[in-house]
Structure formats: structure tokens, C-alpha cells
N, C-alpha and C. Protein backbone atom coordinates (compact mmCIF):
# COMPACT_ATOMS: atom_id res chain seq x y z
N ALA A 1 0.83 -1.19 0.00
CA ALA A 1 0.00 0.00 0.00
C ALA A 1 0.88 1.25 0.00
N MET A 2 2.00 1.16 0.72
CA MET A 2 2.88 2.32 0.80
C MET A 2 3.49 2.63 -0.57
N SER A 3 3.94 1.60 -1.28
CA SER A 3 4.55 1.87 -2.59
C SER A 3 3.49 2.32 -3.60
N LYS A 4 2.26 1.80 -3.46
CA LYS A 4 1.18 2.28 -4.33
C LYS A 4 0.90 3.75 -4.09
N SER A 5 0.95 4.16 -2.82
CA SER A 5 0.74 5.58 -2.49
C SER A 5 1.86 6.44 -3.06
N ALA A 6 3.09 5.93 -3.00
CA ALA A 6 4.22 6.68 -3.56
C ALA A 6 4.08 6.84 -5.07
N VAL A 7 3.59 5.82 -5.75
CA VAL A 7 3.36 5.90 -7.20
C VAL A 7 2.27 6.93 -7.49
N LYS A 8 1.24 6.94 -6.68
CA LYS A 8 0.15 7.92 -6.85
C LYS A 8 0.67 9.34 -6.67
N ILE A 9 1.49 9.54 -5.64
CA ILE A 9 2.06 10.87 -5.39
C ILE A 9 2.92 11.31 -6.56
N SER A 10 3.77 10.40 -7.06
CA SER A 10 4.63 10.78 -8.19
C SER A 10 3.82 11.08 -9.44
N SER A 11 2.74 10.33 -9.65
CA SER A 11 1.87 10.61 -10.81
C SER A 11 1.19 11.97 -10.66
N ASP A 12 0.75 12.27 -9.44
CA ASP A 12 0.12 13.57 -9.19
C ASP A 12 1.11 14.71 -9.41
N LEU A 13 2.34 14.49 -8.99
CA LEU A 13 3.36 15.52 -9.19
C LEU A 13 3.63 15.75 -10.67
N LEU A 14 3.60 14.68 -11.45
CA LEU A 14 3.83 14.82 -12.90
C LEU A 14 2.73 15.63 -13.57
N SER A 15 1.53 15.56 -13.04
CA SER A 15 0.43 16.31 -13.64
C SER A 15 0.36 17.75 -13.12
N ASN A 16 1.25 18.13 -12.24
CA ASN A 16 1.30 19.48 -11.69
C ASN A 16 1.72 20.47 -12.78
N PRO A 17 1.05 21.60 -12.91
CA PRO A 17 1.40 22.59 -13.93
C PRO A 17 2.84 23.12 -13.80
N LEU A 18 3.40 23.03 -12.62
CA LEU A 18 4.77 23.50 -12.40
C LEU A 18 5.76 22.70 -13.25
N CYS A 19 5.43 21.44 -13.54
CA CYS A 19 6.31 20.60 -14.37
C CYS A 19 6.44 21.19 -15.78
N GLU A 20 5.36 21.80 -16.28
CA GLU A 20 5.40 22.40 -17.62
C GLU A 20 6.26 23.67 -17.63
N GLN A 21 6.30 24.36 -16.50
CA GLN A 21 7.01 25.63 -16.42
C GLN A 21 8.49 25.44 -16.12
N GLU A 22 8.83 24.43 -15.35
CA GLU A 22 10.21 24.21 -14.93
C GLU A 22 10.75 22.88 -15.46
N PRO A 23 11.58 22.90 -16.47
CA PRO A 23 12.13 21.65 -17.01
C PRO A 23 12.95 20.85 -15.97
N SER A 24 13.65 21.55 -15.10
CA SER A 24 14.45 20.84 -14.09
C SER A 24 13.54 20.13 -13.08
N PHE A 25 12.42 20.77 -12.74
CA PHE A 25 11.46 20.14 -11.84
C PHE A 25 10.83 18.93 -12.51
N LEU A 26 10.49 19.06 -13.78
CA LEU A 26 9.93 17.95 -14.55
C LEU A 26 10.90 16.77 -14.57
N GLU A 27 12.18 17.06 -14.80
CA GLU A 27 13.20 16.01 -14.83
C GLU A 27 13.30 15.30 -13.48
N MET A 28 13.27 16.09 -12.42
CA MET A 28 13.37 15.53 -11.08
C MET A 28 12.13 14.68 -10.75
N VAL A 29 10.95 15.17 -11.08
CA VAL A 29 9.71 14.45 -10.80
C VAL A 29 9.62 13.19 -11.66
N THR A 30 10.09 13.26 -12.90
CA THR A 30 10.10 12.09 -13.77
C THR A 30 11.01 11.01 -13.19
N ALA A 31 12.18 11.41 -12.70
CA ALA A 31 13.09 10.44 -12.08
C ALA A 31 12.46 9.83 -10.83
N PHE A 32 11.79 10.68 -10.05
CA PHE A 32 11.11 10.19 -8.85
C PHE A 32 10.00 9.21 -9.22
N ASP A 33 9.23 9.55 -10.25
CA ASP A 33 8.14 8.68 -10.72
C ASP A 33 8.68 7.33 -11.18
N THR A 34 9.76 7.35 -11.94
CA THR A 34 10.38 6.11 -12.41
C THR A 34 10.85 5.26 -11.23
N ALA A 35 11.48 5.91 -10.26
CA ALA A 35 11.98 5.18 -9.09
C ALA A 35 10.82 4.57 -8.29
N MET A 36 9.74 5.31 -8.13
CA MET A 36 8.59 4.80 -7.37
C MET A 36 7.92 3.64 -8.10
N LYS A 37 7.84 3.71 -9.41
CA LYS A 37 7.25 2.61 -10.18
C LYS A 37 8.12 1.36 -10.09
N ARG A 38 9.45 1.55 -10.13
CA ARG A 38 10.36 0.41 -9.99
C ARG A 38 10.23 -0.20 -8.60
N MET A 39 10.16 0.66 -7.58
CA MET A 39 10.03 0.18 -6.21
C MET A 39 8.73 -0.62 -6.06
N ASP A 40 7.65 -0.09 -6.62
CA ASP A 40 6.36 -0.78 -6.53
C ASP A 40 6.42 -2.12 -7.24
N SER A 41 7.01 -2.17 -8.40
CA SER A 41 7.14 -3.41 -9.14
C SER A 41 7.97 -4.43 -8.35
N PHE A 42 9.06 -3.98 -7.77
CA PHE A 42 9.91 -4.84 -6.94
C PHE A 42 9.12 -5.37 -5.75
N ASN A 43 8.39 -4.50 -5.08
CA ASN A 43 7.59 -4.91 -3.92
C ASN A 43 6.52 -5.92 -4.31
N GLN A 44 5.85 -5.70 -5.43
CA GLN A 44 4.81 -6.62 -5.87
C GLN A 44 5.40 -8.00 -6.18
N GLU A 45 6.59 -8.01 -6.78
CA GLU A 45 7.26 -9.28 -7.07
C GLU A 45 7.58 -10.03 -5.79
N LYS A 46 8.10 -9.31 -4.80
CA LYS A 46 8.45 -9.94 -3.53
C LYS A 46 7.19 -10.43 -2.80
N ILE A 47 6.12 -9.67 -2.87
CA ILE A 47 4.86 -10.09 -2.24
C ILE A 47 4.36 -11.37 -2.89
N SER A 48 4.46 -11.47 -4.20
CA SER A 48 4.03 -12.68 -4.91
C SER A 48 4.85 -13.89 -4.46
N ILE A 49 6.16 -13.69 -4.31
CA ILE A 49 7.04 -14.78 -3.86
C ILE A 49 6.67 -15.20 -2.44
N ILE A 50 6.46 -14.23 -1.57
CA ILE A 50 6.11 -14.53 -0.18
C ILE A 50 4.77 -15.27 -0.11
N GLN A 51 3.80 -14.84 -0.90
CA GLN A 51 2.50 -15.52 -0.92
C GLN A 51 2.65 -16.96 -1.39
N ALA A 52 3.50 -17.19 -2.40
CA ALA A 52 3.72 -18.55 -2.89
C ALA A 52 4.37 -19.41 -1.81
N ILE A 53 5.29 -18.83 -1.06
CA ILE A 53 5.95 -19.56 0.03
C ILE A 53 4.93 -19.90 1.11
N ILE A 54 4.08 -18.96 1.45
CA ILE A 54 3.07 -19.20 2.48
C ILE A 54 2.12 -20.31 2.04
N ILE A 55 1.68 -20.26 0.79
CA ILE A 55 0.77 -21.28 0.27
C ILE A 55 1.44 -22.65 0.31
N SER A 56 2.72 -22.71 -0.11
CA SER A 56 3.45 -23.98 -0.08
C SER A 56 3.57 -24.50 1.34
N GLY A 57 3.86 -23.59 2.26
CA GLY A 57 3.97 -23.99 3.67
C GLY A 57 2.66 -24.53 4.21
N ASN A 58 1.57 -23.89 3.84
CA ASN A 58 0.25 -24.35 4.30
C ASN A 58 -0.07 -25.74 3.73
N ILE A 59 0.26 -25.94 2.48
CA ILE A 59 0.03 -27.25 1.86
C ILE A 59 0.85 -28.32 2.58
N PHE A 60 2.12 -28.00 2.85
CA PHE A 60 2.99 -28.94 3.55
C PHE A 60 2.43 -29.25 4.94
N LEU A 61 2.01 -28.22 5.66
CA LEU A 61 1.46 -28.44 7.00
C LEU A 61 0.19 -29.28 6.97
N ASN A 62 -0.69 -29.00 6.02
CA ASN A 62 -1.92 -29.79 5.90
C ASN A 62 -1.61 -31.26 5.62
N MET A 63 -0.62 -31.50 4.75
CA MET A 63 -0.24 -32.88 4.45
C MET A 63 0.35 -33.54 5.70
N ALA A 64 1.16 -32.81 6.44
CA ALA A 64 1.76 -33.36 7.66
C ALA A 64 0.69 -33.68 8.70
N VAL A 65 -0.28 -32.81 8.83
CA VAL A 65 -1.36 -33.05 9.79
C VAL A 65 -2.16 -34.30 9.38
N LYS A 66 -2.45 -34.43 8.10
CA LYS A 66 -3.19 -35.61 7.62
C LYS A 66 -2.39 -36.88 7.87
N ARG A 67 -1.07 -36.83 7.59
CA ARG A 67 -0.23 -38.01 7.84
C ARG A 67 -0.21 -38.35 9.32
N ARG A 68 -0.14 -37.35 10.17
CA ARG A 68 -0.14 -37.58 11.60
C ARG A 68 -1.44 -38.22 12.05
N GLU A 69 -2.55 -37.69 11.55
CA GLU A 69 -3.86 -38.26 11.91
C GLU A 69 -3.98 -39.71 11.46
N GLN A 70 -3.52 -40.00 10.25
CA GLN A 70 -3.57 -41.37 9.74
C GLN A 70 -2.70 -42.29 10.58
N THR A 71 -1.52 -41.83 10.93
CA THR A 71 -0.62 -42.62 11.77
C THR A 71 -1.22 -42.85 13.14
N LEU A 72 -1.85 -41.84 13.70
CA LEU A 72 -2.49 -41.98 15.00
C LEU A 72 -3.64 -43.00 14.94
N GLN A 73 -4.42 -42.95 13.89
CA GLN A 73 -5.50 -43.93 13.73
C GLN A 73 -4.94 -45.34 13.60
N ASP A 74 -3.87 -45.49 12.82
CA ASP A 74 -3.24 -46.80 12.68
C ASP A 74 -2.72 -47.29 14.03
N TYR A 75 -2.10 -46.41 14.77
CA TYR A 75 -1.57 -46.78 16.08
C TYR A 75 -2.69 -47.23 17.02
N LYS A 76 -3.78 -46.48 17.06
CA LYS A 76 -4.90 -46.84 17.92
C LYS A 76 -5.50 -48.19 17.53
N ARG A 77 -5.61 -48.42 16.22
CA ARG A 77 -6.15 -49.69 15.74
C ARG A 77 -5.25 -50.84 16.17
N LEU A 78 -3.94 -50.68 15.98
CA LEU A 78 -3.00 -51.73 16.35
C LEU A 78 -2.92 -51.91 17.87
N GLN A 79 -3.00 -50.82 18.60
CA GLN A 79 -2.99 -50.90 20.07
C GLN A 79 -4.21 -51.69 20.56
N SER A 80 -5.33 -51.49 19.92
CA SER A 80 -6.54 -52.23 20.27
C SER A 80 -6.33 -53.72 20.04
N LYS A 81 -5.70 -54.08 18.91
CA LYS A 81 -5.43 -55.49 18.61
C LYS A 81 -4.50 -56.08 19.67
N VAL A 82 -3.47 -55.34 20.04
CA VAL A 82 -2.52 -55.81 21.05
C VAL A 82 -3.24 -56.07 22.36
N GLU A 83 -4.10 -55.16 22.75
CA GLU A 83 -4.85 -55.33 24.01
C GLU A 83 -5.73 -56.58 23.95
N LYS A 84 -6.35 -56.84 22.81
CA LYS A 84 -7.19 -58.04 22.67
C LYS A 84 -6.35 -59.31 22.80
N TYR A 85 -5.19 -59.33 22.15
CA TYR A 85 -4.34 -60.52 22.23
C TYR A 85 -3.76 -60.71 23.63
N GLU A 86 -3.50 -59.61 24.34
CA GLU A 86 -2.99 -59.72 25.71
C GLU A 86 -4.04 -60.31 26.65
N GLU A 87 -5.30 -60.10 26.34
CA GLU A 87 -6.38 -60.63 27.18
C GLU A 87 -6.63 -62.12 26.92
N LYS A 88 -6.22 -62.61 25.74
CA LYS A 88 -6.47 -64.01 25.39
C LYS A 88 -5.46 -64.92 26.10
N GLU A 89 -5.78 -66.23 26.03
CA GLU A 89 -4.89 -67.24 26.61
C GLU A 89 -3.57 -67.24 25.84
N ARG A 90 -2.48 -67.44 26.54
CA ARG A 90 -1.15 -67.37 25.93
C ARG A 90 -0.80 -68.69 25.24
N THR A 91 -1.29 -68.81 24.00
CA THR A 91 -0.96 -69.99 23.20
C THR A 91 0.05 -69.57 22.14
N GLY A 92 0.58 -70.56 21.44
CA GLY A 92 1.58 -70.27 20.40
C GLY A 92 1.11 -69.26 19.37
N PRO A 93 -0.05 -69.50 18.72
CA PRO A 93 -0.51 -68.57 17.69
C PRO A 93 -0.80 -67.16 18.26
N VAL A 94 -1.33 -67.09 19.46
CA VAL A 94 -1.64 -65.79 20.07
C VAL A 94 -0.34 -65.04 20.36
N LEU A 95 0.65 -65.75 20.90
CA LEU A 95 1.94 -65.11 21.18
C LEU A 95 2.62 -64.64 19.90
N ALA A 96 2.50 -65.43 18.83
CA ALA A 96 3.09 -65.03 17.55
C ALA A 96 2.42 -63.76 17.02
N LYS A 97 1.09 -63.72 17.09
CA LYS A 97 0.37 -62.51 16.64
C LYS A 97 0.66 -61.32 17.53
N LEU A 98 0.78 -61.57 18.83
CA LEU A 98 1.10 -60.49 19.76
C LEU A 98 2.49 -59.92 19.45
N HIS A 99 3.44 -60.82 19.20
CA HIS A 99 4.79 -60.37 18.86
C HIS A 99 4.79 -59.57 17.55
N GLN A 100 4.00 -60.04 16.61
CA GLN A 100 3.91 -59.36 15.30
C GLN A 100 3.33 -57.98 15.48
């Protein structure tokens, strides 16, 4: 927003009647306008890069959360099986499944 405001100010200065009367002022305001437009362009490019990084980070986090939830569900399912086998009589097949 700040660089957009600076571009607006430089554009307003260029339309000032004083620019028509003073060539040196026109030259100075034109240089200022060019610099503000470059700054705004640079800022917009950096904002686009930052937004892309944020989006990538959010996607990565969402995937990590989903993987964690799936792993937690798997763990709970397997823990339930272990508890069932621990309650059963300790026979060869039960011990083998419990070990597995």
C-alpha cells in the first residue's frame, strides 16, 4: 500500500502545472516517478514470492497433519489389537500374533 501511495504521489506531481514551467522540476519528478514505479514493481514481485511460500507452507502443514492423523489412527487400531491378544490365553498362535 505504501509503494502504491508513492506511485500515486509521483503521478500527481507529474500532472502538476509546475512541471510544464520548470524543465528541471519535470526532470526531477520524472526520475522520482520512475523510481517509485520500480520500487512498486519490486515490492509486488516480492509479495508474490512470499505468498507462494506461504501457500506452499500451508500445503505442507496440511499434508503433515493428515499423515499424523492417519498414523495416530493406525496406532490406535493396532494398540486395540494388542490389548485383545494380551487378554487371550497365551498360546503359540496368540503369542506369535502379539509379537507381530
